[in-house]
Structure formats: C-alpha cells, structure tokens
Amino acid sequence: MAFHQAATADDGVTSFRLKAGEIALCEWVGKQRFHYAKHRCLDPGHGSSIGNVDAANHIRGAKAEFATSVMFNLFWRPAIGELNAIDVGDCLECKSIGDRNHSLIIKPDAKELPHCLIFVDANDVCEFIGWEHGRFAKDEVSLSAPAGRDEAHYVRNNFRPKQDLEEWIRRRFNR
C-alpha cells in the first residue's frame, strides 16, 4: 500500500496534500525551530523571515522537507538547533516558498548539494517546482542582492526536472 498518492502532472511536477498527522508533526517541528532561533537571537538575514513574529516560515519549511522526503522516498530527520544539518536523506537541501513567483535562493555558503524548490499552499498541498545543484548555481549564476535582500545566487526558471534529480539520487545510492 502506498504511503501517499502523489499526482504527477504532464509537466513533471509532483504534488500531494499533507495528512492531518503530518501537518501536526511539521507544525511542532517548525515551532521548535522558531523558538530555538528566537531564544538564541539568530539572524534571519534580509529574506522573507525578517521581522517574523511567528513560526509560519519555519512550519512551511518543515512541510517542504517532509514532502520532499515522501516525493523521493528518502528519510527525514528534522533538525532543531543543528544549523548545518542536511535537510532530507543526507543528500538534499530544501527551500520552501508560499508564492509561485519566487526564485530558488542558494546562498554563497550553501552546501554543494541539490537544492529543491517546494511550493506549499494554504491548504497544505506541497508541489515540487524544480531543483538545481548548489555547485552549478555557484558556478553559473551571478551573485545578486535584489531589493535589499541577502546576496545570493537567485535561480529563476529553467529549473532541472524531477526526473533528473531522481536519477542523481539513484546514482548516489546505487539504487
């Protein structure tokens, strides 16, 4: 029996709705991450988290990580307070967005692993948008700081498809 019924569109995007227990788990993880950051006065940078007074972005991030683990059949060990932990399956970094018009943001000090972009909507539907390898982004996409945001490699459009990442994972783990 399948753990989730994922729908794949013609354009190769995979999406599914989180279940109630999964939402509760991700909300707990996100709140713990928010409290950890708040009590240690961690700098959110100049991105969407600046000025946040609640755990919404952390919760969305946890949902995106969980969704990525399901979509690629990888383990997820949610890290709280481990700032250098790899997000999913010991091989993927995950970036969540709540608006489809965002870029995949890869910071200069980011790990040289694949970075996935996951859209999480208000109804807890998670959708894989695309991915790029951290090393490629650093080599091929110029650093910029649009509208006062943190300097980073902003990958817009032209994301690699899910099938290429599945192949990268197969090669990495000799599946």
N, C-alpha and C. Protein backbone atom coordinates (compact mmCIF):
# COMPACT_ATOMS: atom_id res chain seq x y z
N MET A 1 0.84 -1.18 0.00
CA MET A 1 0.00 0.00 0.00
C MET A 1 0.89 1.24 0.00
N ALA A 2 0.57 2.19 -0.82
CA ALA A 2 1.36 3.42 -0.93
C ALA A 2 1.14 4.31 0.28
N PHE A 3 2.20 4.95 0.71
CA PHE A 3 2.12 5.87 1.84
C PHE A 3 1.36 7.11 1.45
N HIS A 4 1.56 7.57 0.24
CA HIS A 4 0.87 8.74 -0.30
C HIS A 4 0.49 8.47 -1.73
N GLN A 5 -0.58 9.05 -2.14
CA GLN A 5 -0.93 9.00 -3.55
C GLN A 5 -0.49 10.33 -4.16
N ALA A 6 0.61 10.30 -4.87
CA ALA A 6 1.14 11.53 -5.49
C ALA A 6 0.58 11.66 -6.89
N ALA A 7 0.21 12.88 -7.24
CA ALA A 7 -0.29 13.16 -8.59
C ALA A 7 0.84 13.79 -9.38
N THR A 8 1.11 13.26 -10.56
CA THR A 8 2.14 13.83 -11.42
C THR A 8 1.47 14.45 -12.63
N ALA A 9 1.70 15.73 -12.83
CA ALA A 9 1.14 16.45 -13.97
C ALA A 9 1.98 16.19 -15.22
N ASP A 10 1.46 16.59 -16.37
CA ASP A 10 2.17 16.40 -17.63
C ASP A 10 3.52 17.10 -17.65
N ASP A 11 3.65 18.19 -16.89
CA ASP A 11 4.91 18.94 -16.89
C ASP A 11 5.94 18.35 -15.92
N GLY A 12 5.66 17.21 -15.33
CA GLY A 12 6.62 16.54 -14.46
C GLY A 12 6.59 17.01 -13.02
N VAL A 13 5.66 17.87 -12.64
CA VAL A 13 5.57 18.36 -11.28
C VAL A 13 4.79 17.35 -10.44
N THR A 14 5.30 17.05 -9.27
CA THR A 14 4.63 16.13 -8.37
C THR A 14 4.08 16.91 -7.20
N SER A 15 2.84 16.60 -6.81
CA SER A 15 2.25 17.29 -5.67
C SER A 15 1.34 16.36 -4.90
N PHE A 16 1.12 16.68 -3.64
CA PHE A 16 0.15 15.95 -2.82
C PHE A 16 -0.20 16.80 -1.61
N ARG A 17 -1.32 16.45 -0.98
CA ARG A 17 -1.78 17.15 0.22
C ARG A 17 -1.29 16.39 1.46
N LEU A 18 -0.74 17.15 2.40
CA LEU A 18 -0.31 16.54 3.66
C LEU A 18 -1.51 16.05 4.45
N LYS A 19 -1.32 14.98 5.19
CA LYS A 19 -2.36 14.43 6.06
C LYS A 19 -2.31 15.14 7.41
N ALA A 20 -3.39 15.01 8.20
CA ALA A 20 -3.52 15.73 9.47
C ALA A 20 -2.35 15.45 10.42
N GLY A 21 -1.95 14.21 10.56
CA GLY A 21 -0.83 13.87 11.45
C GLY A 21 0.49 14.45 10.97
N GLU A 22 0.67 14.49 9.66
CA GLU A 22 1.89 15.05 9.08
C GLU A 22 1.93 16.56 9.31
N ILE A 23 0.79 17.20 9.17
CA ILE A 23 0.70 18.64 9.42
C ILE A 23 1.06 18.93 10.87
N ALA A 24 0.50 18.15 11.79
CA ALA A 24 0.78 18.35 13.22
C ALA A 24 2.27 18.17 13.51
N LEU A 25 2.88 17.15 12.93
CA LEU A 25 4.31 16.92 13.12
C LEU A 25 5.11 18.12 12.61
N CYS A 26 4.81 18.58 11.41
CA CYS A 26 5.55 19.69 10.81
C CYS A 26 5.33 20.99 11.59
N GLU A 27 4.12 21.19 12.10
CA GLU A 27 3.87 22.38 12.91
C GLU A 27 4.71 22.34 14.19
N TRP A 28 4.81 21.17 14.82
CA TRP A 28 5.62 21.06 16.04
C TRP A 28 7.08 21.36 15.73
N VAL A 29 7.59 20.75 14.65
CA VAL A 29 8.99 20.97 14.27
C VAL A 29 9.23 22.44 13.98
N GLY A 30 8.36 23.05 13.20
CA GLY A 30 8.51 24.46 12.84
C GLY A 30 8.50 25.38 14.06
N LYS A 31 7.61 25.10 14.99
CA LYS A 31 7.54 25.92 16.21
C LYS A 31 8.81 25.75 17.05
N GLN A 32 9.32 24.54 17.13
CA GLN A 32 10.56 24.31 17.88
C GLN A 32 11.73 25.05 17.24
N ARG A 33 11.81 25.02 15.91
CA ARG A 33 12.86 25.74 15.19
C ARG A 33 12.75 27.24 15.42
N PHE A 34 11.53 27.77 15.37
CA PHE A 34 11.30 29.19 15.59
C PHE A 34 11.75 29.60 17.00
N HIS A 35 11.34 28.83 18.00
CA HIS A 35 11.73 29.14 19.38
C HIS A 35 13.24 29.05 19.57
N TYR A 36 13.86 28.06 18.96
CA TYR A 36 15.32 27.94 19.04
C TYR A 36 15.98 29.20 18.48
N ALA A 37 15.55 29.61 17.30
CA ALA A 37 16.14 30.79 16.65
C ALA A 37 15.87 32.06 17.45
N LYS A 38 14.67 32.20 17.95
CA LYS A 38 14.29 33.40 18.69
C LYS A 38 15.08 33.52 20.00
N HIS A 39 15.19 32.44 20.73
CA HIS A 39 15.87 32.48 22.03
C HIS A 39 17.39 32.61 21.89
N ARG A 40 17.90 32.33 20.73
CA ARG A 40 19.34 32.49 20.50
C ARG A 40 19.66 33.70 19.64
N CYS A 41 18.63 34.49 19.35
CA CYS A 41 18.77 35.73 18.58
C CYS A 41 19.51 35.49 17.26
N LEU A 42 19.14 34.41 16.58
CA LEU A 42 19.78 34.11 15.30
C LEU A 42 19.31 35.10 14.25
N ASP A 43 20.21 35.50 13.40
CA ASP A 43 19.94 36.50 12.36
C ASP A 43 19.22 35.84 11.19
N PRO A 44 17.98 36.28 10.88
CA PRO A 44 17.26 35.70 9.75
C PRO A 44 17.71 36.23 8.41
N GLY A 45 18.66 37.19 8.40
CA GLY A 45 19.08 37.79 7.14
C GLY A 45 18.06 38.81 6.68
N HIS A 46 18.09 39.09 5.40
CA HIS A 46 17.18 40.09 4.84
C HIS A 46 16.09 39.45 3.98
N GLY A 47 15.86 38.18 4.15
CA GLY A 47 14.86 37.48 3.35
C GLY A 47 13.48 37.58 3.95
N SER A 48 12.62 36.65 3.58
CA SER A 48 11.22 36.69 3.99
C SER A 48 11.02 36.49 5.48
N SER A 49 12.02 35.97 6.18
CA SER A 49 11.87 35.73 7.62
C SER A 49 12.13 36.96 8.48
N ILE A 50 12.66 38.01 7.90
CA ILE A 50 12.98 39.19 8.69
C ILE A 50 11.70 39.78 9.29
N GLY A 51 11.72 40.05 10.55
CA GLY A 51 10.57 40.64 11.23
C GLY A 51 9.46 39.67 11.57
N ASN A 52 9.67 38.37 11.31
CA ASN A 52 8.62 37.40 11.64
C ASN A 52 8.40 37.34 13.14
N VAL A 53 7.14 37.32 13.52
CA VAL A 53 6.80 37.22 14.93
C VAL A 53 6.16 35.88 15.25
N ASP A 54 6.11 34.99 14.26
CA ASP A 54 5.57 33.67 14.50
C ASP A 54 6.37 32.63 13.71
N ALA A 55 5.95 31.41 13.82
CA ALA A 55 6.72 30.30 13.26
C ALA A 55 6.31 29.91 11.84
N ALA A 56 5.52 30.72 11.16
CA ALA A 56 4.95 30.35 9.86
C ALA A 56 5.99 29.88 8.84
N ASN A 57 7.08 30.61 8.69
CA ASN A 57 8.10 30.21 7.70
C ASN A 57 8.80 28.92 8.11
N HIS A 58 9.03 28.74 9.40
CA HIS A 58 9.66 27.50 9.87
C HIS A 58 8.73 26.31 9.65
N ILE A 59 7.44 26.51 9.88
CA ILE A 59 6.47 25.44 9.67
C ILE A 59 6.41 25.10 8.18
N ARG A 60 6.35 26.11 7.33
CA ARG A 60 6.33 25.86 5.88
C ARG A 60 7.58 25.10 5.45
N GLY A 61 8.73 25.47 6.02
CA GLY A 61 9.97 24.77 5.70
C GLY A 61 9.93 23.31 6.10
N ALA A 62 9.39 23.03 7.29
CA ALA A 62 9.27 21.64 7.74
C ALA A 62 8.33 20.85 6.83
N LYS A 63 7.25 21.47 6.40
CA LYS A 63 6.32 20.80 5.48
C LYS A 63 7.02 20.49 4.15
N ALA A 64 7.80 21.43 3.67
CA ALA A 64 8.52 21.21 2.41
C ALA A 64 9.53 20.08 2.55
N GLU A 65 10.24 20.03 3.66
CA GLU A 65 11.21 18.95 3.88
C GLU A 65 10.51 17.60 3.94
N PHE A 66 9.40 17.55 4.70
CA PHE A 66 8.67 16.29 4.80
C PHE A 66 8.17 15.85 3.42
N ALA A 67 7.60 16.81 2.67
CA ALA A 67 7.09 16.49 1.33
C ALA A 67 8.19 15.98 0.42
N THR A 68 9.35 16.59 0.50
CA THR A 68 10.49 16.15 -0.32
C THR A 68 10.88 14.73 0.04
N SER A 69 10.86 14.41 1.32
CA SER A 69 11.22 13.05 1.73
C SER A 69 10.24 12.03 1.16
N VAL A 70 8.96 12.38 1.12
CA VAL A 70 7.95 11.48 0.56
C VAL A 70 8.12 11.37 -0.96
N MET A 71 8.29 12.51 -1.62
CA MET A 71 8.38 12.51 -3.08
C MET A 71 9.56 11.71 -3.61
N PHE A 72 10.66 11.68 -2.83
CA PHE A 72 11.87 10.99 -3.30
C PHE A 72 12.19 9.73 -2.50
N ASN A 73 11.26 9.33 -1.62
CA ASN A 73 11.43 8.12 -0.83
C ASN A 73 12.75 8.13 -0.06
N LEU A 74 13.00 9.25 0.64
CA LEU A 74 14.19 9.43 1.45
C LEU A 74 13.78 9.68 2.90
N PHE A 75 14.69 9.43 3.83
CA PHE A 75 14.36 9.66 5.23
C PHE A 75 14.40 11.14 5.56
N TRP A 76 13.66 11.51 6.60
CA TRP A 76 13.67 12.89 7.10
C TRP A 76 13.87 12.83 8.61
N ARG A 77 14.95 13.39 9.07
CA ARG A 77 15.22 13.52 10.50
C ARG A 77 15.22 15.02 10.78
N PRO A 78 14.09 15.56 11.22
CA PRO A 78 14.00 17.01 11.39
C PRO A 78 15.02 17.54 12.40
N ALA A 79 15.81 18.48 11.95
CA ALA A 79 16.85 19.06 12.79
C ALA A 79 16.32 20.31 13.49
N ILE A 80 16.55 20.37 14.78
CA ILE A 80 16.21 21.55 15.58
C ILE A 80 17.50 21.94 16.30
N GLY A 81 18.01 23.10 15.97
CA GLY A 81 19.24 23.57 16.59
C GLY A 81 20.51 23.04 15.94
N GLU A 82 20.39 22.28 14.89
CA GLU A 82 21.55 21.78 14.14
C GLU A 82 21.61 22.58 12.85
N LEU A 83 22.28 23.71 12.89
CA LEU A 83 22.23 24.65 11.78
C LEU A 83 22.91 24.16 10.52
N ASN A 84 23.79 23.18 10.61
CA ASN A 84 24.48 22.67 9.43
C ASN A 84 23.95 21.32 8.97
N ALA A 85 22.83 20.88 9.55
CA ALA A 85 22.26 19.59 9.16
C ALA A 85 21.74 19.65 7.73
N ILE A 86 21.84 18.54 7.03
CA ILE A 86 21.30 18.43 5.68
C ILE A 86 19.81 18.12 5.82
N ASP A 87 18.99 18.77 5.01
CA ASP A 87 17.54 18.73 5.20
C ASP A 87 16.90 17.36 5.02
N VAL A 88 17.19 16.66 3.92
CA VAL A 88 16.46 15.43 3.60
C VAL A 88 17.43 14.36 3.08
N GLY A 89 17.30 13.16 3.64
CA GLY A 89 18.00 12.00 3.11
C GLY A 89 19.51 12.08 3.10
N ASP A 90 20.06 12.98 3.88
CA ASP A 90 21.50 13.19 3.93
C ASP A 90 22.07 13.57 2.57
N CYS A 91 21.19 14.14 1.68
CA CYS A 91 21.69 14.49 0.36
C CYS A 91 20.98 15.66 -0.31
N LEU A 92 19.87 16.15 0.24
CA LEU A 92 19.11 17.23 -0.41
C LEU A 92 18.89 18.41 0.53
N GLU A 93 19.03 19.60 -0.01
CA GLU A 93 18.63 20.82 0.68
C GLU A 93 17.26 21.21 0.13
N CYS A 94 16.44 21.77 0.97
CA CYS A 94 15.06 22.06 0.60
C CYS A 94 14.75 23.53 0.84
N LYS A 95 14.16 24.19 -0.12
CA LYS A 95 13.74 25.59 0.01
C LYS A 95 12.24 25.65 -0.21
N SER A 96 11.53 26.25 0.74
CA SER A 96 10.08 26.34 0.62
C SER A 96 9.67 27.74 0.19
N ILE A 97 8.59 27.79 -0.56
CA ILE A 97 8.02 29.07 -0.96
C ILE A 97 6.51 29.02 -0.76
N GLY A 98 5.92 30.17 -0.47
CA GLY A 98 4.47 30.26 -0.33
C GLY A 98 3.86 31.02 -1.48
N ASP A 99 4.67 31.39 -2.44
CA ASP A 99 4.25 32.15 -3.62
C ASP A 99 5.01 31.61 -4.82
N ARG A 100 4.31 31.25 -5.86
CA ARG A 100 4.94 30.62 -7.02
C ARG A 100 5.94 31.52 -7.76
N ASN A 101 5.93 32.79 -7.50
CA ASN A 101 6.79 33.71 -8.24
C ASN A 101 8.14 33.94 -7.57
N HIS A 102 8.60 32.99 -6.80
CA HIS A 102 9.88 33.13 -6.12
C HIS A 102 10.98 32.38 -6.86
N SER A 103 12.19 32.75 -6.54
CA SER A 103 13.37 32.09 -7.09
C SER A 103 13.86 31.03 -6.11
N LEU A 104 14.69 30.14 -6.61
CA LEU A 104 15.42 29.22 -5.75
C LEU A 104 16.66 29.98 -5.30
N ILE A 105 16.75 30.23 -4.01
CA ILE A 105 17.83 31.06 -3.46
C ILE A 105 18.92 30.15 -2.90
N ILE A 106 20.11 30.28 -3.46
CA ILE A 106 21.25 29.49 -3.00
C ILE A 106 22.31 30.48 -2.54
N LYS A 107 22.55 30.49 -1.23
CA LYS A 107 23.50 31.45 -0.65
C LYS A 107 24.93 31.03 -0.94
N PRO A 108 25.86 31.99 -0.89
CA PRO A 108 27.26 31.69 -1.23
C PRO A 108 27.88 30.58 -0.37
N ASP A 109 27.44 30.46 0.88
CA ASP A 109 28.00 29.43 1.77
C ASP A 109 27.15 28.16 1.81
N ALA A 110 26.20 28.03 0.90
CA ALA A 110 25.32 26.85 0.88
C ALA A 110 26.10 25.59 0.52
N LYS A 111 25.56 24.48 0.97
CA LYS A 111 26.18 23.19 0.66
C LYS A 111 26.11 22.93 -0.85
N GLU A 112 27.10 22.23 -1.35
CA GLU A 112 27.15 21.92 -2.77
C GLU A 112 26.42 20.60 -3.03
N LEU A 113 25.13 20.63 -2.73
CA LEU A 113 24.22 19.51 -2.92
C LEU A 113 23.05 20.02 -3.75
N PRO A 114 22.19 19.11 -4.23
CA PRO A 114 20.98 19.58 -4.90
C PRO A 114 20.09 20.38 -3.93
N HIS A 115 19.52 21.45 -4.44
CA HIS A 115 18.59 22.29 -3.70
C HIS A 115 17.24 22.19 -4.40
N CYS A 116 16.21 21.74 -3.69
CA CYS A 116 14.87 21.59 -4.24
C CYS A 116 14.04 22.81 -3.89
N LEU A 117 13.14 23.18 -4.78
CA LEU A 117 12.20 24.27 -4.53
C LEU A 117 10.81 23.66 -4.42
N ILE A 118 10.19 23.84 -3.25
CA ILE A 118 8.88 23.25 -2.96
C ILE A 118 7.89 24.36 -2.65
N PHE A 119 6.78 24.38 -3.36
CA PHE A 119 5.69 25.32 -3.11
C PHE A 119 4.73 24.67 -2.14
N VAL A 120 4.41 25.37 -1.04
CA VAL A 120 3.44 24.88 -0.05
C VAL A 120 2.30 25.89 -0.01
N ASP A 121 1.09 25.44 -0.39
CA ASP A 121 -0.02 26.40 -0.42
C ASP A 121 -0.77 26.41 0.91
N ALA A 122 -1.75 27.28 1.01
CA ALA A 122 -2.50 27.46 2.26
C ALA A 122 -3.31 26.23 2.65
N ASN A 123 -3.54 25.32 1.72
CA ASN A 123 -4.30 24.09 2.00
C ASN A 123 -3.39 22.89 2.23
N ASP A 124 -2.11 23.16 2.48
CA ASP A 124 -1.13 22.11 2.76
C ASP A 124 -0.90 21.16 1.60
N VAL A 125 -1.06 21.68 0.38
CA VAL A 125 -0.66 20.92 -0.80
C VAL A 125 0.78 21.32 -1.10
N CYS A 126 1.64 20.33 -1.20
CA CYS A 126 3.06 20.56 -1.47
C CYS A 126 3.34 20.16 -2.91
N GLU A 127 4.06 21.02 -3.61
CA GLU A 127 4.32 20.80 -5.03
C GLU A 127 5.80 21.00 -5.32
N PHE A 128 6.40 20.01 -5.97
CA PHE A 128 7.79 20.09 -6.39
C PHE A 128 7.86 20.99 -7.62
N ILE A 129 8.62 22.10 -7.54
CA ILE A 129 8.74 23.04 -8.64
C ILE A 129 9.96 22.70 -9.51
N GLY A 130 11.07 22.42 -8.87
CA GLY A 130 12.28 22.10 -9.61
C GLY A 130 13.47 22.08 -8.69
N TRP A 131 14.65 21.96 -9.27
CA TRP A 131 15.86 21.88 -8.45
C TRP A 131 17.05 22.37 -9.25
N GLU A 132 18.10 22.65 -8.52
CA GLU A 132 19.39 22.98 -9.11
C GLU A 132 20.47 22.51 -8.15
N HIS A 133 21.60 22.12 -8.69
CA HIS A 133 22.70 21.70 -7.85
C HIS A 133 23.41 22.93 -7.32
N GLY A 134 23.72 22.93 -6.04
CA GLY A 134 24.38 24.08 -5.41
C GLY A 134 25.67 24.47 -6.10
N ARG A 135 26.46 23.50 -6.48
CA ARG A 135 27.74 23.80 -7.15
C ARG A 135 27.50 24.48 -8.49
N PHE A 136 26.55 23.99 -9.27
CA PHE A 136 26.25 24.60 -10.57
C PHE A 136 25.78 26.04 -10.39
N ALA A 137 24.89 26.26 -9.43
CA ALA A 137 24.38 27.61 -9.20
C ALA A 137 25.50 28.57 -8.83
N LYS A 138 26.41 28.10 -8.00
CA LYS A 138 27.54 28.95 -7.60
C LYS A 138 28.46 29.25 -8.79
N ASP A 139 28.61 28.29 -9.68
CA ASP A 139 29.49 28.46 -10.84
C ASP A 139 28.83 29.25 -11.97
N GLU A 140 27.53 29.10 -12.14
CA GLU A 140 26.87 29.62 -13.33
C GLU A 140 25.94 30.80 -13.12
N VAL A 141 25.47 31.04 -11.90
CA VAL A 141 24.51 32.12 -11.64
C VAL A 141 25.20 33.20 -10.84
N SER A 142 25.20 34.41 -11.34
CA SER A 142 25.89 35.52 -10.68
C SER A 142 25.24 35.84 -9.34
N LEU A 143 26.07 36.29 -8.41
CA LEU A 143 25.56 36.76 -7.13
C LEU A 143 24.80 38.07 -7.35
N SER A 144 23.70 38.22 -6.64
CA SER A 144 22.96 39.48 -6.69
C SER A 144 22.25 39.67 -5.36
N ALA A 145 21.76 40.88 -5.14
CA ALA A 145 21.01 41.21 -3.92
C ALA A 145 19.82 42.09 -4.31
N PRO A 146 18.80 41.50 -4.92
CA PRO A 146 17.67 42.31 -5.38
C PRO A 146 16.88 42.93 -4.23
N ALA A 147 16.51 44.18 -4.41
CA ALA A 147 15.65 44.91 -3.46
C ALA A 147 16.13 44.79 -2.01
N GLY A 148 17.42 44.91 -1.80
CA GLY A 148 17.95 44.91 -0.45
C GLY A 148 17.99 43.54 0.22
N ARG A 149 17.77 42.47 -0.51
CA ARG A 149 17.81 41.13 0.08
C ARG A 149 19.25 40.68 0.24
N ASP A 150 19.44 39.55 0.90
CA ASP A 150 20.78 39.00 1.07
C ASP A 150 21.39 38.66 -0.28
N GLU A 151 22.71 38.81 -0.35
CA GLU A 151 23.42 38.43 -1.57
C GLU A 151 23.36 36.91 -1.71
N ALA A 152 22.96 36.46 -2.89
CA ALA A 152 22.82 35.02 -3.13
C ALA A 152 22.77 34.78 -4.63
N HIS A 153 22.74 33.50 -4.97
CA HIS A 153 22.54 33.08 -6.36
C HIS A 153 21.03 32.84 -6.50
N TYR A 154 20.34 33.69 -7.23
CA TYR A 154 18.89 33.58 -7.41
C TYR A 154 18.61 32.86 -8.72
N VAL A 155 18.24 31.58 -8.61
CA VAL A 155 17.96 30.77 -9.79
C VAL A 155 16.48 30.98 -10.14
N ARG A 156 16.23 31.54 -11.31
CA ARG A 156 14.88 31.82 -11.76
C ARG A 156 14.58 30.96 -12.99
N ASN A 157 13.45 30.28 -12.94
CA ASN A 157 13.04 29.47 -14.09
C ASN A 157 14.13 28.47 -14.47
N ASN A 158 13.98 27.84 -15.57
CA ASN A 158 14.96 26.87 -16.07
C ASN A 158 15.45 25.90 -15.00
N PHE A 159 14.54 25.49 -14.12
CA PHE A 159 14.91 24.51 -13.11
C PHE A 159 15.09 23.14 -13.77
N ARG A 160 15.89 22.33 -13.14
CA ARG A 160 16.04 20.96 -13.63
C ARG A 160 14.78 20.18 -13.24
N PRO A 161 14.39 19.19 -14.07
CA PRO A 161 13.18 18.42 -13.78
C PRO A 161 13.39 17.37 -12.70
N LYS A 162 12.29 16.94 -12.14
CA LYS A 162 12.29 15.94 -11.07
C LYS A 162 13.00 14.65 -11.51
N GLN A 163 12.80 14.25 -12.75
CA GLN A 163 13.40 13.00 -13.23
C GLN A 163 14.92 13.05 -13.15
N ASP A 164 15.52 14.20 -13.40
CA ASP A 164 16.98 14.32 -13.31
C ASP A 164 17.45 14.16 -11.86
N LEU A 165 16.68 14.68 -10.93
CA LEU A 165 17.05 14.53 -9.52
C LEU A 165 16.87 13.08 -9.07
N GLU A 166 15.82 12.43 -9.54
CA GLU A 166 15.64 11.01 -9.22
C GLU A 166 16.83 10.20 -9.72
N GLU A 167 17.32 10.52 -10.89
CA GLU A 167 18.49 9.82 -11.44
C GLU A 167 19.74 10.12 -10.60
N TRP A 168 19.91 11.37 -10.18
CA TRP A 168 21.05 11.75 -9.34
C TRP A 168 21.01 10.96 -8.03
N ILE A 169 19.82 10.82 -7.43
CA ILE A 169 19.67 10.06 -6.18
C ILE A 169 19.98 8.59 -6.42
N ARG A 170 19.48 8.02 -7.54
CA ARG A 170 19.77 6.61 -7.85
C ARG A 170 21.28 6.38 -7.95
N ARG A 171 21.97 7.27 -8.64
CA ARG A 171 23.43 7.13 -8.77
C ARG A 171 24.13 7.28 -7.42
N ARG A 172 23.69 8.24 -6.63
CA ARG A 172 24.32 8.47 -5.33
C ARG A 172 24.22 7.27 -4.41
N PHE A 173 23.05 6.62 -4.42
CA PHE A 173 22.82 5.49 -3.51
C PHE A 173 22.88 4.15 -4.21
N ASN A 174 23.33 4.13 -5.45
CA ASN A 174 23.43 2.87 -6.22
C ASN A 174 22.14 2.08 -6.18
N ARG A 175 21.03 2.78 -6.40
CA ARG A 175 19.71 2.09 -6.36
C ARG A 175 19.40 1.44 -7.69
